[in-house]
Protein backbone atom coordinates (compact mmCIF):
# COMPACT_ATOMS: atom_id res chain seq x y z
CA MET A 1 -29.32 59.55 10.61
CA ASN A 2 -27.14 58.39 7.76
CA THR A 3 -24.17 60.33 9.31
CA ILE A 4 -24.72 58.74 12.68
CA ARG A 5 -25.03 55.37 11.25
CA ILE A 6 -21.86 55.53 9.42
CA ALA A 7 -19.97 57.16 12.30
CA LEU A 8 -21.10 54.31 14.55
CA LEU A 9 -19.90 51.64 12.16
CA LEU A 10 -16.66 53.28 11.66
CA GLY A 11 -16.21 53.86 15.48
CA PHE A 12 -16.94 50.28 16.48
CA ARG A 13 -14.92 48.97 13.57
CA GLN A 14 -11.96 50.84 14.97
CA ILE A 15 -12.58 49.53 18.61
CA GLN A 16 -12.80 45.99 17.23
CA ARG A 17 -9.28 46.24 15.28
CA ALA A 18 -7.59 47.94 18.16
CA ASN A 19 -5.05 46.06 20.43
CA ILE A 20 -7.02 44.45 22.99
CA TRP A 21 -4.41 45.28 25.67
CA THR A 22 -4.67 48.99 24.92
CA THR A 23 -8.49 48.81 25.06
CA ILE A 24 -7.99 46.99 28.36
CA LEU A 25 -5.75 49.69 29.70
CA ILE A 26 -8.08 52.62 28.55
CA VAL A 27 -11.01 50.86 30.16
CA PHE A 28 -8.96 50.18 33.31
CA VAL A 29 -7.89 53.95 33.56
CA MET A 30 -11.72 55.06 32.99
CA VAL A 31 -12.65 52.74 35.90
CA LEU A 32 -10.13 54.18 38.29
CA THR A 33 -10.92 57.61 37.37
CA PHE A 34 -14.74 56.83 38.12
CA LEU A 35 -13.88 55.20 41.36
CA ASN A 36 -11.48 58.23 42.20
CA LEU A 37 -14.38 60.60 41.54
CA ILE A 38 -16.93 58.83 43.52
CA ALA A 39 -14.79 57.07 46.35
CA VAL A 40 -12.71 60.07 47.45
CA SER A 41 -15.55 62.30 48.04
CA GLY A 42 -17.62 59.31 49.17
CA ILE A 43 -15.24 58.46 52.00
CA LEU A 44 -14.76 62.17 53.20
CA VAL A 45 -18.68 62.71 53.36
CA GLY A 46 -18.78 59.14 54.84
CA LEU A 47 -16.82 60.30 57.79
CA ILE A 48 -19.50 62.90 58.67
CA GLU A 49 -22.33 60.60 57.85
CA GLY A 50 -20.75 57.85 59.97
CA ALA A 51 -20.67 60.34 62.88
CA GLU A 52 -24.24 61.27 62.28
CA GLY A 53 -25.31 57.83 62.22
CA ALA A 54 -23.63 57.22 65.62
CA VAL A 55 -25.28 60.11 67.05
CA ARG A 56 -28.81 58.93 65.80
CA LYS A 57 -28.18 55.27 66.86
CA SER A 58 -26.47 55.82 70.27
CA ALA A 59 -27.99 59.42 71.57
CA LEU A 60 -30.79 61.01 69.70
CA GLY A 61 -32.67 58.74 67.57
CA ASP A 62 -35.06 60.02 64.70
CA VAL A 63 -37.22 62.57 66.52
CA VAL A 64 -35.97 64.73 69.44
CA ILE A 65 -38.16 66.56 71.99
CA SER A 66 -36.73 69.15 73.97
CA PRO A 67 -37.76 72.11 76.13
CA LEU A 68 -38.82 75.32 74.91
CA ASP A 69 -36.54 78.12 75.09
CA THR A 70 -38.59 79.80 77.63
CA GLU A 71 -38.94 76.59 79.76
CA ASP A 72 -36.33 74.30 81.72
CA ARG A 73 -38.20 71.23 81.11
CA ILE A 74 -40.91 69.59 78.51
CA LEU A 75 -44.02 70.63 79.83
CA ASN A 76 -46.97 67.94 79.84
CA THR A 77 -44.50 64.99 79.67
CA PRO A 78 -46.98 62.44 80.89
CA LEU A 79 -49.49 63.57 78.11
CA ILE A 80 -46.92 63.53 75.45
CA ILE A 81 -45.52 60.06 76.31
CA SER A 82 -49.19 58.50 76.47
CA THR A 83 -49.75 59.82 73.04
CA VAL A 84 -46.35 58.68 71.69
CA ARG A 85 -47.23 55.28 72.88
CA THR A 86 -50.25 54.99 70.52
CA TYR A 87 -48.31 55.83 67.15
CA PRO A 88 -47.80 52.81 65.20
CA GLU A 89 -44.98 54.67 63.27
CA ILE A 90 -42.89 54.75 66.50
CA SER A 91 -40.82 51.70 67.39
CA THR A 92 -39.39 52.87 70.72
CA TYR A 93 -38.70 56.00 72.71
CA SER A 94 -36.75 57.05 75.74
CA VAL A 95 -37.44 59.62 78.54
CA ARG A 96 -34.36 61.23 80.08
CA TYR A 97 -34.15 63.42 83.19
CA LYS A 98 -30.84 65.31 83.51
CA GLY A 99 -29.10 67.01 86.21
CA ASN A 100 -25.54 68.28 87.17
CA ALA A 101 -23.50 66.78 89.78
CA VAL A 102 -20.05 66.35 91.28
CA LEU A 103 -18.39 63.10 91.54
CA GLU A 104 -15.46 62.48 94.12
CA ALA A 105 -13.26 59.52 94.11
CA ASN A 106 -10.72 58.24 96.65
CA TYR A 107 -12.27 60.54 99.23
CA LYS A 108 -12.08 57.71 101.82
CA ASN A 109 -8.29 57.33 101.30
CA ARG A 110 -7.30 60.87 101.29
CA ARG A 111 -5.02 61.49 104.16
CA ASP A 112 -4.07 65.05 103.69
CA LEU A 113 -7.18 66.97 104.00
CA GLY A 114 -5.71 70.13 102.49
CA SER A 115 -4.79 68.39 99.22
CA ASP A 116 -6.83 68.80 96.10
CA ARG A 117 -9.98 66.60 96.04
CA ASP A 118 -10.27 64.07 93.02
CA THR A 119 -13.43 65.60 91.66
CA ALA A 120 -15.34 65.76 88.32
CA ALA A 121 -18.33 67.87 87.33
CA VAL A 122 -20.74 65.42 85.46
CA ILE A 123 -23.94 65.28 83.57
CA VAL A 124 -26.30 62.70 85.12
CA ASN A 125 -29.14 61.09 83.21
CA GLY A 126 -31.99 59.39 85.02
CA VAL A 127 -33.46 56.92 82.49
CA ASP A 128 -35.69 53.84 82.45
CA LEU A 129 -32.84 51.34 81.89
CA GLN A 130 -34.83 48.83 79.79
CA GLN A 131 -36.41 51.49 77.72
CA GLU A 132 -32.99 53.30 77.26
CA ASN A 133 -31.29 50.02 76.02
CA THR A 134 -34.21 49.35 73.63
CA MET A 135 -33.71 53.03 72.26
CA THR A 136 -29.86 53.23 71.97
CA ASN A 137 -28.50 49.61 72.85
CA LEU A 138 -26.67 51.34 75.65
CA ALA A 139 -25.75 47.93 77.22
CA THR A 140 -23.48 47.22 74.06
CA LEU A 141 -21.34 50.41 74.80
CA VAL A 142 -20.38 48.96 78.23
CA ALA A 143 -16.63 48.27 77.82
CA GLU A 144 -15.76 47.42 81.24
CA GLY A 145 -18.10 46.00 83.93
CA SER A 146 -21.72 45.36 83.22
CA TYR A 147 -25.00 47.17 82.57
CA LEU A 148 -27.21 48.33 85.29
CA ASP A 149 -29.75 46.00 86.89
CA PRO A 150 -33.15 47.72 87.24
CA THR A 151 -33.63 45.90 90.63
CA GLU A 152 -30.53 47.14 92.18
CA GLU A 153 -29.84 50.60 93.73
CA GLY A 154 -26.62 52.40 94.44
CA TYR A 155 -24.78 51.76 91.11
CA LEU A 156 -23.68 53.95 88.20
CA LEU A 157 -22.61 53.90 84.64
CA ILE A 158 -20.01 56.41 83.87
CA GLY A 159 -18.87 57.75 80.33
CA SER A 160 -15.21 56.96 79.42
CA TYR A 161 -14.43 60.79 79.36
CA TYR A 162 -15.14 60.98 83.17
CA ILE A 163 -12.39 58.41 83.96
CA GLN A 164 -8.84 59.33 84.15
CA ASP A 165 -7.48 56.14 82.38
CA TYR A 166 -9.41 57.03 79.15
CA ALA A 167 -9.57 60.81 79.41
CA GLU A 168 -5.81 60.88 79.53
CA GLN A 169 -5.68 59.49 75.94
CA PHE A 170 -7.21 63.07 74.81
CA GLY A 171 -4.66 65.19 76.89
CA ASP A 172 -5.87 67.36 79.72
CA VAL A 173 -9.20 68.36 78.20
CA PHE A 174 -11.92 66.51 80.18
CA ASP A 175 -12.89 66.84 83.90
CA SER A 176 -12.13 63.35 85.21
CA ILE A 177 -11.51 61.15 88.23
CA ASP A 178 -9.15 58.20 89.15
CA ALA A 179 -11.51 55.51 89.43
CA ARG A 180 -12.39 52.05 88.04
CA VAL A 181 -15.15 49.49 88.01
CA GLY A 182 -16.10 48.29 91.47
CA ASP A 183 -14.75 51.80 93.10
CA THR A 184 -17.01 53.70 95.27
CA VAL A 185 -17.52 57.51 94.38
CA ARG A 186 -19.53 60.10 96.08
CA MET A 187 -22.22 62.12 94.16
CA THR A 188 -22.94 65.56 95.51
CA VAL A 189 -26.01 67.49 94.21
CA GLY A 190 -26.33 70.82 96.19
CA SER A 191 -26.21 69.88 99.79
CA VAL A 192 -27.10 66.18 99.16
CA SER A 193 -24.50 63.42 98.75
CA LYS A 194 -24.65 59.76 98.24
CA GLU A 195 -22.23 56.94 97.64
CA PHE A 196 -22.66 54.84 94.38
CA ILE A 197 -20.56 51.94 93.05
CA ILE A 198 -19.36 52.25 89.53
CA LYS A 199 -20.73 49.16 87.78
CA GLY A 200 -19.77 49.81 84.36
CA ILE A 201 -17.74 52.13 82.10
CA ILE A 202 -19.17 53.21 78.85
CA VAL A 203 -17.23 53.77 75.67
CA SER A 204 -18.58 55.28 72.60
CA LYS A 205 -17.75 57.27 69.43
CA VAL A 206 -20.39 59.64 70.47
CA ASP A 207 -19.26 62.51 72.87
CA GLN A 208 -22.69 62.95 74.28
CA VAL A 209 -22.66 59.45 75.51
CA ASN A 210 -19.10 59.61 76.89
CA LEU A 211 -19.90 62.68 78.83
CA SER A 212 -22.74 61.08 80.52
CA VAL A 213 -23.57 59.28 83.86
CA TYR A 214 -26.58 56.93 83.73
CA MET A 215 -28.67 55.85 86.66
CA PRO A 216 -32.04 54.51 87.25
CA GLU A 217 -34.88 57.14 87.03
CA ARG A 218 -36.36 56.47 90.39
CA GLU A 219 -32.91 56.97 92.09
CA PHE A 220 -32.31 60.08 90.02
CA ARG A 221 -35.55 61.62 91.56
CA ARG A 222 -34.61 60.98 95.13
CA VAL A 223 -31.03 62.33 94.80
CA PHE A 224 -31.96 65.43 92.83
CA GLY A 225 -35.44 65.92 94.40
CA ARG A 226 -37.31 65.85 91.17
CA LEU A 227 -40.86 65.40 91.90
CA SER A 228 -42.19 66.64 88.78
CA ARG A 229 -42.62 64.20 85.83
CA ASP A 230 -41.78 66.81 83.30
CA ALA A 231 -38.53 65.54 81.36
CA ASP A 232 -35.43 67.11 80.04
CA GLU A 233 -35.48 65.07 76.89
CA ILE A 234 -37.57 62.68 74.95
CA VAL A 235 -35.91 60.74 72.17
CA ILE A 236 -37.85 58.77 69.59
CA ARG A 237 -37.02 56.18 67.20
CA THR A 238 -39.36 55.61 64.05
CA LYS A 239 -39.71 52.51 62.21
CA THR A 240 -38.32 53.95 59.08
CA PRO A 241 -36.34 57.42 58.76
CA GLU A 242 -38.63 58.43 55.81
CA ILE A 243 -41.50 59.08 58.25
CA ASN A 244 -39.68 61.08 60.58
CA GLN A 245 -41.28 64.42 59.31
CA SER A 246 -44.76 63.07 59.27
CA VAL A 247 -44.44 61.93 63.08
CA VAL A 248 -43.24 65.44 63.91
CA THR A 249 -46.18 66.99 62.03
CA ALA A 250 -48.46 64.68 63.76
CA LEU A 251 -47.16 65.57 67.29
CA LYS A 252 -47.54 69.14 66.50
CA GLN A 253 -51.09 68.85 65.23
CA ASN A 254 -51.88 67.50 68.68
CA GLY A 255 -50.67 70.95 70.07
CA PHE A 256 -47.67 69.58 71.67
CA ASP A 257 -45.37 72.08 70.09
CA HIS A 258 -46.96 74.55 72.86
CA TYR A 259 -45.26 72.35 75.39
CA ALA A 260 -41.81 71.57 73.82
CA LYS A 261 -39.63 71.78 70.70
CA ILE A 262 -40.14 68.93 68.26
CA LYS A 263 -37.61 68.35 65.63
CA THR A 264 -36.44 65.59 63.36
CA PHE A 265 -32.82 64.40 63.87
CA GLU A 266 -31.84 66.22 60.46
CA GLU A 267 -33.52 69.48 61.83
CA GLY A 268 -31.59 69.30 64.95
CA LEU A 269 -28.00 68.84 63.17
CA PRO A 270 -25.61 71.65 64.08
CA LYS A 271 -24.81 74.16 61.30
CA PHE A 272 -21.13 73.40 61.62
CA LEU A 273 -21.69 69.69 60.96
CA ILE A 274 -23.53 70.68 57.75
CA ASP A 275 -20.88 72.94 56.63
CA ILE A 276 -18.10 70.22 57.24
CA LYS A 277 -20.11 67.78 55.00
CA LYS A 278 -20.35 70.60 52.20
CA THR A 279 -16.73 71.30 52.54
CA PHE A 280 -15.67 67.59 52.41
CA THR A 281 -17.97 67.21 49.44
CA LEU A 282 -16.23 70.01 47.65
CA LEU A 283 -12.88 68.72 48.56
CA GLY A 284 -13.69 65.36 47.19
CA ILE A 285 -14.97 66.81 43.88
CA LEU A 286 -11.80 68.92 43.64
CA LEU A 287 -9.45 65.86 44.23
CA GLY A 288 -11.72 63.70 42.04
CA SER A 289 -11.41 66.42 39.15
CA ILE A 290 -7.70 65.79 39.14
CA GLY A 291 -8.49 62.14 38.09
CA ILE A 292 -10.86 63.40 35.22
CA VAL A 293 -7.92 65.46 33.86
CA VAL A 294 -5.73 62.71 33.97
CA ALA A 295 -8.13 60.47 32.07
CA SER A 296 -8.94 62.98 29.48
CA ILE A 297 -5.32 63.46 28.83
CA THR A 298 -5.02 59.60 28.46
CA ILE A 299 -7.83 59.43 26.14
CA PHE A 300 -6.47 62.56 24.09
CA ILE A 301 -3.04 60.81 23.49
CA ILE A 302 -4.46 57.57 22.73
CA ILE A 303 -6.92 58.96 20.20
CA PHE A 304 -4.38 61.29 18.83
CA ILE A 305 -1.84 58.40 18.11
CA ASN A 306 -4.67 56.26 16.77
CA ALA A 307 -5.69 58.96 14.26
CA LEU A 308 -2.13 59.78 13.46
CA SER A 309 -1.13 56.33 12.64
CA ARG A 310 -4.43 56.11 10.53
CA ARG A 311 -3.80 59.46 8.53
CA ARG A 312 -3.70 57.45 5.18
CA HIS A 313 -6.82 55.53 5.87
CA ILE A 314 -8.59 58.94 6.96
CA GLY A 315 -7.37 60.44 3.70
CA ILE A 316 -8.70 57.68 1.77
CA LEU A 317 -12.26 58.05 3.66
CA LYS A 318 -12.47 61.46 2.83
CA GLY A 319 -11.23 60.86 -0.85
CA ILE A 320 -14.19 58.40 -1.48
CA GLY A 321 -16.57 61.12 -0.18
CA ILE A 322 -17.01 60.46 3.57
CA ASP A 323 -17.58 63.66 5.19
CA ARG A 324 -15.02 64.71 7.90
CA SER A 325 -17.80 65.18 10.45
CA VAL A 326 -18.39 61.48 10.14
CA ILE A 327 -15.04 60.64 10.86
CA GLU A 328 -14.76 63.08 13.71
CA LEU A 329 -17.92 61.50 15.14
CA ALA A 330 -16.35 57.92 14.69
CA TYR A 331 -13.64 58.88 17.19
CA VAL A 332 -15.97 60.49 19.42
CA VAL A 333 -18.04 57.22 19.47
CA GLN A 334 -14.79 55.45 20.36
CA ALA A 335 -14.11 57.82 23.25
CA ALA A 336 -17.86 57.51 24.29
CA PHE A 337 -17.31 53.74 24.34
CA TYR A 338 -14.35 53.76 26.78
CA ALA A 339 -16.19 56.20 29.08
CA LEU A 340 -19.37 54.27 29.21
CA LEU A 341 -17.71 50.95 29.70
CA GLY A 342 -15.39 52.13 32.33
CA SER A 343 -18.03 53.99 34.15
CA LEU A 344 -20.36 51.04 34.07
CA LEU A 345 -17.75 48.85 35.70
CA GLY A 346 -16.87 51.50 38.15
CA ALA A 347 -20.53 51.85 39.13
CA LEU A 348 -20.83 47.97 39.37
CA ILE A 349 -17.83 47.87 41.88
CA THR A 350 -18.94 50.71 43.79
CA TYR A 351 -22.71 49.73 44.45
CA GLY A 352 -21.99 46.02 44.21
CA TYR A 353 -19.09 45.67 46.43
CA LEU A 354 -17.62 48.92 48.02
CA VAL A 355 -20.82 50.41 49.41
CA PRO A 356 -22.05 47.20 51.00
CA ARG A 357 -18.51 46.34 52.33
CA PHE A 358 -18.00 49.71 53.94
CA GLN A 359 -21.58 49.33 55.38
CA LYS A 360 -20.51 46.00 57.06
CA HIS A 361 -16.94 46.81 57.85
CA PRO A 362 -16.68 50.64 58.31
CA ILE A 363 -13.25 52.33 58.60
CA GLN A 364 -12.70 52.73 62.36
CA PHE A 365 -11.84 56.23 62.92
CA PRO A 366 -11.57 57.86 66.46
CA PHE A 367 -14.75 60.07 66.02
CA SER A 368 -16.81 57.73 63.78
CA ASP A 369 -17.37 54.52 61.80
CA GLY A 370 -16.47 55.84 58.17
CA ILE A 371 -18.71 54.57 55.42
CA LEU A 372 -18.60 55.26 51.78
CA SER A 373 -21.41 57.87 50.72
CA ALA A 374 -22.49 57.31 47.21
CA ASP A 375 -25.85 59.03 46.54
CA PRO A 376 -27.07 57.80 43.24
CA GLU A 377 -27.95 61.32 41.88
CA SER A 378 -24.56 62.76 42.63
CA THR A 379 -23.01 59.87 41.03
CA PHE A 380 -24.91 60.43 37.91
CA TRP A 381 -23.99 63.95 37.64
CA LYS A 382 -20.27 63.04 38.21
CA PHE A 383 -20.74 60.40 35.46
CA VAL A 384 -22.12 63.23 33.11
CA ALA A 385 -19.08 65.34 33.82
CA LEU A 386 -16.81 62.46 33.25
CA PHE A 387 -18.55 61.64 30.03
CA ILE A 388 -18.67 65.02 28.57
CA VAL A 389 -14.77 65.63 29.28
CA THR A 390 -14.04 62.25 27.74
CA ILE A 391 -15.99 63.17 24.76
CA ILE A 392 -14.27 66.45 24.23
CA ALA A 393 -10.86 64.75 24.73
CA GLY A 394 -11.87 62.27 21.92
CA PHE A 395 -12.94 64.92 19.46
CA ILE A 396 -10.24 67.47 19.52
CA PRO A 397 -7.26 65.00 18.16
CA ALA A 398 -9.63 63.63 15.59
CA TRP A 399 -10.42 67.25 14.54
CA MET A 400 -6.70 68.09 14.40
CA ILE A 401 -5.96 65.07 12.02
CA VAL A 402 -9.08 65.18 9.92
CA ARG A 403 -8.86 68.89 9.03
CA LYS A 404 -5.37 68.32 7.12
CA ASN A 405 -5.21 68.28 3.50
CA THR A 406 -6.77 65.05 1.96
CA LEU A 407 -3.98 64.56 -0.66
CA ASP A 408 -1.31 65.28 2.05
CA SER A 409 -2.89 62.56 4.42
CA ILE A 410 -3.01 59.78 1.63
CA LEU A 411 0.57 60.65 0.53
CA GLY A 412 1.79 60.82 4.22
CA ARG A 413 3.15 64.28 3.85
CA ASN A 414 3.18 66.84 6.64
């Protein structure tokens, strides 16, 4: 305890007597190092988390119910829905009926019957319009035109990837038609055809939404001949994501897992998305480690110059009986002070400014709204790594100077 007490005294005396601008520079380097370590990986991972958040918000919700592998549809859908309505943990849900169809545009104006038809194979969603909007805020994604009116018939909402003006931005990738809001298109399902007016075009950062056509459920049933109430997908939004698993467990305890697959949003994530997130996390750590090396070299040089310029003082301390370990520890205390102060300021900037700002104003990427992902546990371990490296960088130069002969240090001899 005596050794530590003396080392702390010497260390803080050195910090107090150090040039104020040198101290500010060192702390500034440590702040930037901490931010580099957190922000670079945070933004990379935030890209994927932003995409996940968009899918959760605009498409799948918190709990997804889908058909069993041996079935085409969700069995006993009415029973499942009647039970879902009684759960206080569930804030809203949407029942979707899906079918494949072909949309044809400009068929009335096509003069040459031998020319290629302007068609696109589409996925049609029959939904309760009010319930779907409550679940996914679909109305806010209508970039052109307006949202469907539940009292009207003969209108469609079309995802942007099916519209040529939007799809051509991605090259010749999507099957699209040359149509605009207000145009009449013909939908063909098997041998049944019906004309619809495009009422709105949906633009989203979620491919699943951009590759969908929406129409009222009752009209979907007539066009597709769906008499059964068994749905193709049920998506549920819980009041808080923390209770997702408990909702899934409750549904399974009711025996609904015999009628459908019930998964949380996280369980339903594709493996490639999880792998990408892990890859981006590793890439961020590698890039951040470069900053740690730069910071450690900076600390090493500053401590070395400081110790070298105070060789005579160090020699006198040794001469009056101060143990060399105390002097070495004093320089370690100095390095620890810089690491702690820089990391503390970096954490305040990260959680007090950067994270809230990215949440409010995410980076606009084509496929997601990028946020800053800064998990506190991960941040803590990165801080530990930075602290340890800084301590080592402070100890080595002090050890190099202190181990020299005491008389040589006092007389300034090499």
